[in-house]
Every structure is written in structure tokens, then in C-alpha cells.
Amino acid sequence: MYKGRDTFISKKISLALRHKPEAYGLELAKDGSVPVEKLLNGINSVHKFETPVTEEDVIRVMKNADKQRFAIEDGRIRALYGHTAIHVEYKPSEPPEILYHGTAHKFLDSIKKEGLLPMGREYVHMSADIDTAKKVGLRRDKNPVILKVDAKKAYKDGIKFYYISDKIWLADKVPPEYINFSSIGEFL
């Protein structure tokens, strides 16, 4: 019933909170958040919906999403990751033993030399599970490479990791010595 509308709403929330807040008259706080009411006003003023977007719509979109992309706390909403409009600083957290990174084969030589780098993003994105890493890798390669990251060892050696959700972790970078290249393809 809501699928097309919800997809559109989700994309506009991402645009507003991650990439172009100014297009919606928004100014993001340092944590990337804005009052929910301001987000709704911005979206409804730019996009003339027959039925205006409500907080209930936003909550439904968040609840039914395949990935946890947004959080609402104390009347404020923020994107959890993927910002290009501002630099959001996260509190470092101890990661699980292993994290996974899905990527295209064409990037493998570069990763072997330089490790995992943000490449136009603020942070390197990693997954706590193989399925999520595979979905990410499928965006750029129909048979993606799934890399296994020794996150616990990297953390103990001073690499900062940031917990975002049950499935998503971020890091500033991951040097190649913490990536298990011998396991390539083993997880597909």
C-alpha cells in the first residue's frame, strides 16, 4: 500500500540528512541531527504531497527498511552514516572479532596495497555479517569480493572503529595487514 511512497520518502530523508540539507532549509547539528518537525516541514515544502509526510510515515519507513539508516531520539532525527554534507564524529567502540567488507574485484589490487580507505566517503563501511557485506558488494560487482577484517586485532593496535547499528561498523581506514586476503571468495 505504501511501498512507492515510502521509497520516495526514504530517499528524500537521506538526501536531506546526508547530502543536501540546505535544499530543505535544514542546518544539521554536529551529530547530524535536526528536529523531526523541521525535517517534515522541509520535505513537505519542497515536495508537494497530496497527503503531507507525517512523523508516523517516517517511523513506518524506518521500521520497514532493510537497513537501519536513521534514528530518532528526543524529537530529533539523524542519518546513522553516509554523510557528505557534514563530518559527523562518532564515539569509538570495540568491534567484534571479525568484520566483513564487500567490494568489486577491480578494487582488490588497490586494497592489497593501501588497505580499506573511505574513497569519497567519510569512513570505511564494514558489516558484522557476510550477507550485508555481499549486498554492499553487489552494488558494483555481480560476483563481489567479501573481505574478512581482523577488527579486534586492528582495534587493539589503535585503529578506531565506530558502532552504527547491529550490522554496520565504520572506521577511518583499515591497513592491509588487518585484512585476510587468503579468504577471498570463501564466504560467497
Protein backbone atom coordinates (compact mmCIF):
# COMPACT_ATOMS: atom_id res chain seq x y z
CA MET A 1 0.00 0.00 0.00
CA TYR A 2 2.75 2.49 0.96
CA LYS A 3 5.73 0.95 -0.87
CA GLY A 4 6.24 3.55 -3.62
CA ARG A 5 5.53 6.47 -1.30
CA ASP A 6 7.78 5.03 1.42
CA THR A 7 10.67 4.52 -1.00
CA PHE A 8 10.32 8.14 -2.14
CA ILE A 9 10.15 9.39 1.46
CA SER A 10 13.22 7.32 2.44
CA LYS A 11 15.23 8.75 -0.46
CA LYS A 12 14.24 12.31 0.42
CA ILE A 13 15.12 11.81 4.09
CA SER A 14 18.54 10.51 3.01
CA LEU A 15 19.02 13.47 0.71
CA ALA A 16 18.02 15.91 3.46
CA LEU A 17 20.03 14.33 6.29
CA ARG A 18 23.08 13.04 4.42
CA HIS A 19 23.74 15.08 1.30
CA LYS A 20 21.76 18.29 0.75
CA PRO A 21 20.21 19.62 3.95
CA GLU A 22 20.27 23.14 2.53
CA ALA A 23 17.85 22.09 -0.23
CA TYR A 24 15.29 21.50 2.54
CA GLY A 25 16.16 24.60 4.58
CA LEU A 26 17.95 22.50 7.20
CA GLU A 27 21.11 23.04 9.17
CA LEU A 28 22.43 19.83 10.70
CA ALA A 29 23.81 19.76 14.24
CA LYS A 30 27.31 18.32 14.80
CA ASP A 31 25.78 14.88 15.32
CA GLY A 32 23.93 15.20 12.01
CA SER A 33 20.51 15.63 13.62
CA VAL A 34 17.63 18.05 13.14
CA PRO A 35 14.26 18.34 14.87
CA VAL A 36 11.81 15.90 13.25
CA GLU A 37 9.34 18.76 12.78
CA LYS A 38 11.89 20.78 10.78
CA LEU A 39 12.65 17.79 8.56
CA LEU A 40 8.93 17.27 7.92
CA ASN A 41 8.43 20.98 7.15
CA GLY A 42 11.38 20.93 4.75
CA ILE A 43 10.27 17.80 2.91
CA ASN A 44 6.64 18.91 2.70
CA SER A 45 7.57 22.38 1.45
CA VAL A 46 9.83 21.05 -1.32
CA HIS A 47 7.72 18.05 -2.34
CA LYS A 48 4.03 18.82 -2.65
CA PHE A 49 2.47 15.56 -1.50
CA GLU A 50 -1.28 15.06 -1.78
CA THR A 51 -1.08 13.91 1.83
CA PRO A 52 1.81 15.60 3.70
CA VAL A 53 4.53 13.40 5.20
CA THR A 54 4.00 12.86 8.93
CA GLU A 55 6.18 11.57 11.74
CA GLU A 56 4.17 8.33 11.56
CA ASP A 57 5.21 8.00 7.90
CA VAL A 58 8.87 8.46 8.85
CA ILE A 59 8.62 5.89 11.65
CA ARG A 60 6.95 3.40 9.28
CA VAL A 61 9.70 3.95 6.68
CA MET A 62 12.36 3.35 9.33
CA LYS A 63 10.62 0.25 10.68
CA ASN A 64 10.17 -1.37 7.26
CA ALA A 65 13.63 -0.55 5.86
CA ASP A 66 16.03 -3.37 5.02
CA LYS A 67 18.83 -1.39 6.72
CA GLN A 68 18.75 0.82 9.77
CA ARG A 69 19.57 4.21 8.20
CA PHE A 70 18.02 6.74 10.60
CA ALA A 71 17.48 7.20 14.33
CA ILE A 72 15.01 9.36 16.24
CA GLU A 73 15.90 10.45 19.77
CA ASP A 74 14.37 13.22 21.87
CA GLY A 75 12.40 14.66 18.95
CA ARG A 76 15.46 14.77 16.65
CA ILE A 77 16.25 12.61 13.62
CA ARG A 78 19.63 11.84 12.11
CA ALA A 79 21.13 9.62 9.46
CA LEU A 80 23.29 6.98 11.09
CA TYR A 81 26.01 7.03 8.41
CA GLY A 82 26.85 8.09 4.86
CA HIS A 83 27.02 11.85 5.33
CA THR A 84 28.60 14.00 2.65
CA ALA A 85 27.17 17.35 3.78
CA ILE A 86 28.95 17.41 7.15
CA HIS A 87 31.61 15.48 9.03
CA VAL A 88 29.96 13.52 11.83
CA GLU A 89 32.23 12.30 14.58
CA TYR A 90 31.29 9.06 16.29
CA LYS A 91 32.39 7.67 19.62
CA PRO A 92 34.94 4.86 19.14
CA SER A 93 33.72 1.39 20.16
CA GLU A 94 35.35 -2.01 20.50
CA PRO A 95 34.38 -4.06 17.43
CA PRO A 96 33.60 -7.75 17.22
CA GLU A 97 36.43 -10.15 16.38
CA ILE A 98 35.71 -10.12 12.63
CA LEU A 99 34.02 -7.62 10.30
CA TYR A 100 33.37 -8.01 6.57
CA HIS A 101 33.72 -5.68 3.63
CA GLY A 102 32.06 -6.31 0.27
CA THR A 103 33.74 -4.80 -2.77
CA ALA A 104 34.30 -5.21 -6.50
CA HIS A 105 37.18 -7.30 -7.87
CA LYS A 106 38.58 -4.25 -9.69
CA PHE A 107 39.46 -2.63 -6.32
CA LEU A 108 41.38 -5.60 -4.93
CA ASP A 109 44.89 -4.56 -6.05
CA SER A 110 44.46 -1.12 -4.52
CA ILE A 111 43.12 -2.60 -1.26
CA LYS A 112 46.08 -5.00 -1.06
CA LYS A 113 48.46 -2.02 -1.31
CA GLU A 114 46.65 0.67 0.68
CA GLY A 115 44.03 -1.15 2.74
CA LEU A 116 40.43 -0.06 3.01
CA LEU A 117 40.06 3.68 2.51
CA PRO A 118 36.90 5.84 2.59
CA MET A 119 37.17 6.59 -1.16
CA GLY A 120 34.97 9.68 -1.29
CA ARG A 121 33.05 8.82 1.87
CA GLU A 122 33.89 9.92 5.37
CA TYR A 123 34.51 6.42 6.67
CA VAL A 124 35.14 2.86 5.55
CA HIS A 125 31.93 0.85 5.91
CA MET A 126 32.05 -2.71 7.20
CA SER A 127 29.43 -5.26 8.10
CA ALA A 128 29.02 -7.50 11.09
CA ASP A 129 27.66 -10.24 8.82
CA ILE A 130 28.53 -11.69 5.44
CA ASP A 131 25.07 -11.19 3.90
CA THR A 132 25.16 -7.42 4.44
CA ALA A 133 28.71 -7.24 3.02
CA LYS A 134 27.58 -9.21 -0.01
CA LYS A 135 24.62 -6.84 -0.61
CA VAL A 136 27.01 -3.88 -0.49
CA GLY A 137 29.46 -5.58 -2.85
CA LEU A 138 26.68 -6.41 -5.32
CA ARG A 139 26.22 -2.70 -5.97
CA ARG A 140 29.43 -2.67 -8.03
CA ASP A 141 30.11 -6.28 -8.98
CA LYS A 142 27.73 -9.14 -9.79
CA ASN A 143 30.15 -11.51 -8.04
CA PRO A 144 31.64 -9.34 -5.28
CA VAL A 145 34.69 -10.00 -3.16
CA ILE A 146 33.99 -10.39 0.54
CA LEU A 147 37.00 -9.45 2.66
CA LYS A 148 37.43 -10.58 6.24
CA VAL A 149 38.79 -7.86 8.55
CA ASP A 150 40.56 -8.78 11.80
CA ALA A 151 38.80 -5.94 13.59
CA LYS A 152 39.72 -6.97 17.13
CA LYS A 153 43.46 -7.01 16.34
CA ALA A 154 43.21 -3.71 14.44
CA TYR A 155 41.37 -2.16 17.39
CA LYS A 156 43.99 -3.39 19.85
CA ASP A 157 46.65 -1.84 17.59
CA GLY A 158 44.94 1.57 17.70
CA ILE A 159 42.58 1.58 14.70
CA LYS A 160 39.34 3.31 15.69
CA PHE A 161 36.03 1.62 14.94
CA TYR A 162 32.59 3.16 15.31
CA TYR A 163 29.44 1.20 16.07
CA ILE A 164 26.48 2.36 13.98
CA SER A 165 23.95 -0.48 14.17
CA ASP A 166 23.77 -4.22 14.68
CA LYS A 167 25.03 -4.67 11.13
CA ILE A 168 27.12 -1.58 10.30
CA TRP A 169 30.54 -0.53 11.61
CA LEU A 170 32.76 2.31 10.40
CA ALA A 171 36.49 3.02 10.55
CA ASP A 172 38.66 5.88 9.34
CA LYS A 173 40.74 3.34 7.39
CA VAL A 174 41.89 -0.26 7.71
CA PRO A 175 45.52 -1.01 6.74
CA PRO A 176 46.08 -4.14 4.61
CA GLU A 177 47.76 -6.09 7.41
CA TYR A 178 44.35 -6.46 9.10
CA ILE A 179 42.63 -7.83 6.01
CA ASN A 180 42.60 -11.56 5.32
CA PHE A 181 43.12 -11.76 1.56
CA SER A 182 43.52 -15.55 1.60
CA SER A 183 39.82 -15.86 2.43
CA ILE A 184 38.65 -14.05 -0.70
CA GLY A 185 35.55 -15.65 -2.14
CA GLU A 186 35.38 -18.21 0.68
CA PHE A 187 32.23 -16.58 2.03
CA LEU A 188 30.19 -16.25 -1.16
